[in-house]
Amino acid sequence: MFDWEDLRYFIVFAHEQSLSGAARKLKVDHATVARRISALEVR
């Protein structure tokens, strides 16, 4: 099943152009951003 939250993380990553920048924007650890993007790729 598609997770819209994973897509949101990817969009922020694409906008910020880095895991660290996306993590700061989303107020999470960079590993969380990487995990969400990976999950999106798998789906």
N, C-alpha and C. Protein backbone atom coordinates (compact mmCIF):
# COMPACT_ATOMS: atom_id res chain seq x y z
N MET A 1 0.84 -1.19 0.00
CA MET A 1 0.00 0.00 0.00
C MET A 1 0.89 1.25 0.00
N PHE A 2 0.48 2.25 -0.73
CA PHE A 2 1.22 3.50 -0.87
C PHE A 2 1.10 4.34 0.39
N ASP A 3 2.22 4.87 0.84
CA ASP A 3 2.24 5.72 2.04
C ASP A 3 2.54 7.17 1.62
N TRP A 4 1.55 8.03 1.76
CA TRP A 4 1.71 9.44 1.37
C TRP A 4 2.78 10.14 2.18
N GLU A 5 3.00 9.70 3.40
CA GLU A 5 4.02 10.31 4.25
C GLU A 5 5.41 10.07 3.66
N ASP A 6 5.64 8.89 3.07
CA ASP A 6 6.91 8.61 2.40
C ASP A 6 7.10 9.60 1.24
N LEU A 7 6.05 9.85 0.50
CA LEU A 7 6.12 10.79 -0.62
C LEU A 7 6.43 12.20 -0.12
N ARG A 8 5.84 12.59 0.97
CA ARG A 8 6.10 13.91 1.55
C ARG A 8 7.58 14.05 1.91
N TYR A 9 8.15 13.01 2.49
CA TYR A 9 9.57 13.03 2.85
C TYR A 9 10.43 13.17 1.59
N PHE A 10 10.05 12.46 0.52
CA PHE A 10 10.81 12.55 -0.73
C PHE A 10 10.72 13.95 -1.33
N ILE A 11 9.55 14.55 -1.29
CA ILE A 11 9.38 15.89 -1.84
C ILE A 11 10.25 16.90 -1.10
N VAL A 12 10.27 16.80 0.23
CA VAL A 12 11.11 17.71 1.02
C VAL A 12 12.58 17.45 0.70
N PHE A 13 12.96 16.17 0.57
CA PHE A 13 14.34 15.82 0.21
C PHE A 13 14.70 16.43 -1.15
N ALA A 14 13.82 16.29 -2.13
CA ALA A 14 14.09 16.83 -3.47
C ALA A 14 14.22 18.35 -3.42
N HIS A 15 13.41 18.99 -2.63
CA HIS A 15 13.46 20.45 -2.52
C HIS A 15 14.75 20.90 -1.82
N GLU A 16 15.12 20.23 -0.76
CA GLU A 16 16.31 20.60 0.02
C GLU A 16 17.61 20.10 -0.61
N GLN A 17 17.51 19.07 -1.45
CA GLN A 17 18.63 18.46 -2.17
C GLN A 17 19.67 17.80 -1.26
N SER A 18 19.27 17.44 -0.06
CA SER A 18 20.16 16.67 0.83
C SER A 18 19.34 16.02 1.92
N LEU A 19 19.85 14.90 2.42
CA LEU A 19 19.19 14.22 3.53
C LEU A 19 19.21 15.09 4.77
N SER A 20 20.35 15.74 5.02
CA SER A 20 20.48 16.58 6.21
C SER A 20 19.51 17.76 6.17
N GLY A 21 19.42 18.40 5.01
CA GLY A 21 18.50 19.52 4.88
C GLY A 21 17.05 19.10 5.06
N ALA A 22 16.70 17.97 4.48
CA ALA A 22 15.34 17.46 4.63
C ALA A 22 15.05 17.10 6.08
N ALA A 23 16.04 16.49 6.73
CA ALA A 23 15.87 16.11 8.14
C ALA A 23 15.64 17.34 9.01
N ARG A 24 16.41 18.39 8.77
CA ARG A 24 16.21 19.64 9.54
C ARG A 24 14.82 20.19 9.31
N LYS A 25 14.40 20.24 8.07
CA LYS A 25 13.09 20.78 7.72
C LYS A 25 11.95 19.96 8.35
N LEU A 26 12.11 18.64 8.34
CA LEU A 26 11.08 17.75 8.87
C LEU A 26 11.21 17.51 10.37
N LYS A 27 12.33 18.00 10.95
CA LYS A 27 12.60 17.83 12.39
C LYS A 27 12.68 16.35 12.78
N VAL A 28 13.42 15.60 11.96
CA VAL A 28 13.68 14.19 12.24
C VAL A 28 15.16 13.92 11.97
N ASP A 29 15.61 12.72 12.30
CA ASP A 29 16.97 12.30 12.03
C ASP A 29 17.13 12.02 10.54
N HIS A 30 18.34 12.21 10.01
CA HIS A 30 18.56 11.97 8.58
C HIS A 30 18.32 10.51 8.20
N ALA A 31 18.53 9.60 9.15
CA ALA A 31 18.27 8.18 8.88
C ALA A 31 16.78 7.93 8.63
N THR A 32 15.94 8.69 9.29
CA THR A 32 14.50 8.55 9.09
C THR A 32 14.13 8.95 7.66
N VAL A 33 14.72 10.03 7.19
CA VAL A 33 14.46 10.48 5.81
C VAL A 33 14.93 9.40 4.83
N ALA A 34 16.11 8.87 5.05
CA ALA A 34 16.65 7.82 4.17
C ALA A 34 15.76 6.59 4.18
N ARG A 35 15.29 6.20 5.35
CA ARG A 35 14.43 5.01 5.46
C ARG A 35 13.10 5.23 4.72
N ARG A 36 12.54 6.41 4.85
CA ARG A 36 11.26 6.72 4.17
C ARG A 36 11.42 6.71 2.66
N ILE A 37 12.51 7.27 2.18
CA ILE A 37 12.77 7.29 0.73
C ILE A 37 13.00 5.88 0.22
N SER A 38 13.73 5.09 0.98
CA SER A 38 13.96 3.70 0.61
C SER A 38 12.65 2.92 0.53
N ALA A 39 11.78 3.15 1.49
CA ALA A 39 10.47 2.47 1.50
C ALA A 39 9.66 2.88 0.27
N LEU A 40 9.75 4.14 -0.10
CA LEU A 40 9.04 4.62 -1.29
C LEU A 40 9.58 3.93 -2.55
N GLU A 41 10.90 3.78 -2.63
CA GLU A 41 11.51 3.13 -3.79
C GLU A 41 11.08 1.67 -3.90
N VAL A 42 10.97 1.00 -2.76
CA VAL A 42 10.57 -0.41 -2.76
C VAL A 42 9.15 -0.57 -3.29
N ARG A 43 8.30 0.34 -2.91
CA ARG A 43 6.90 0.27 -3.35
C ARG A 43 6.78 0.68 -4.79
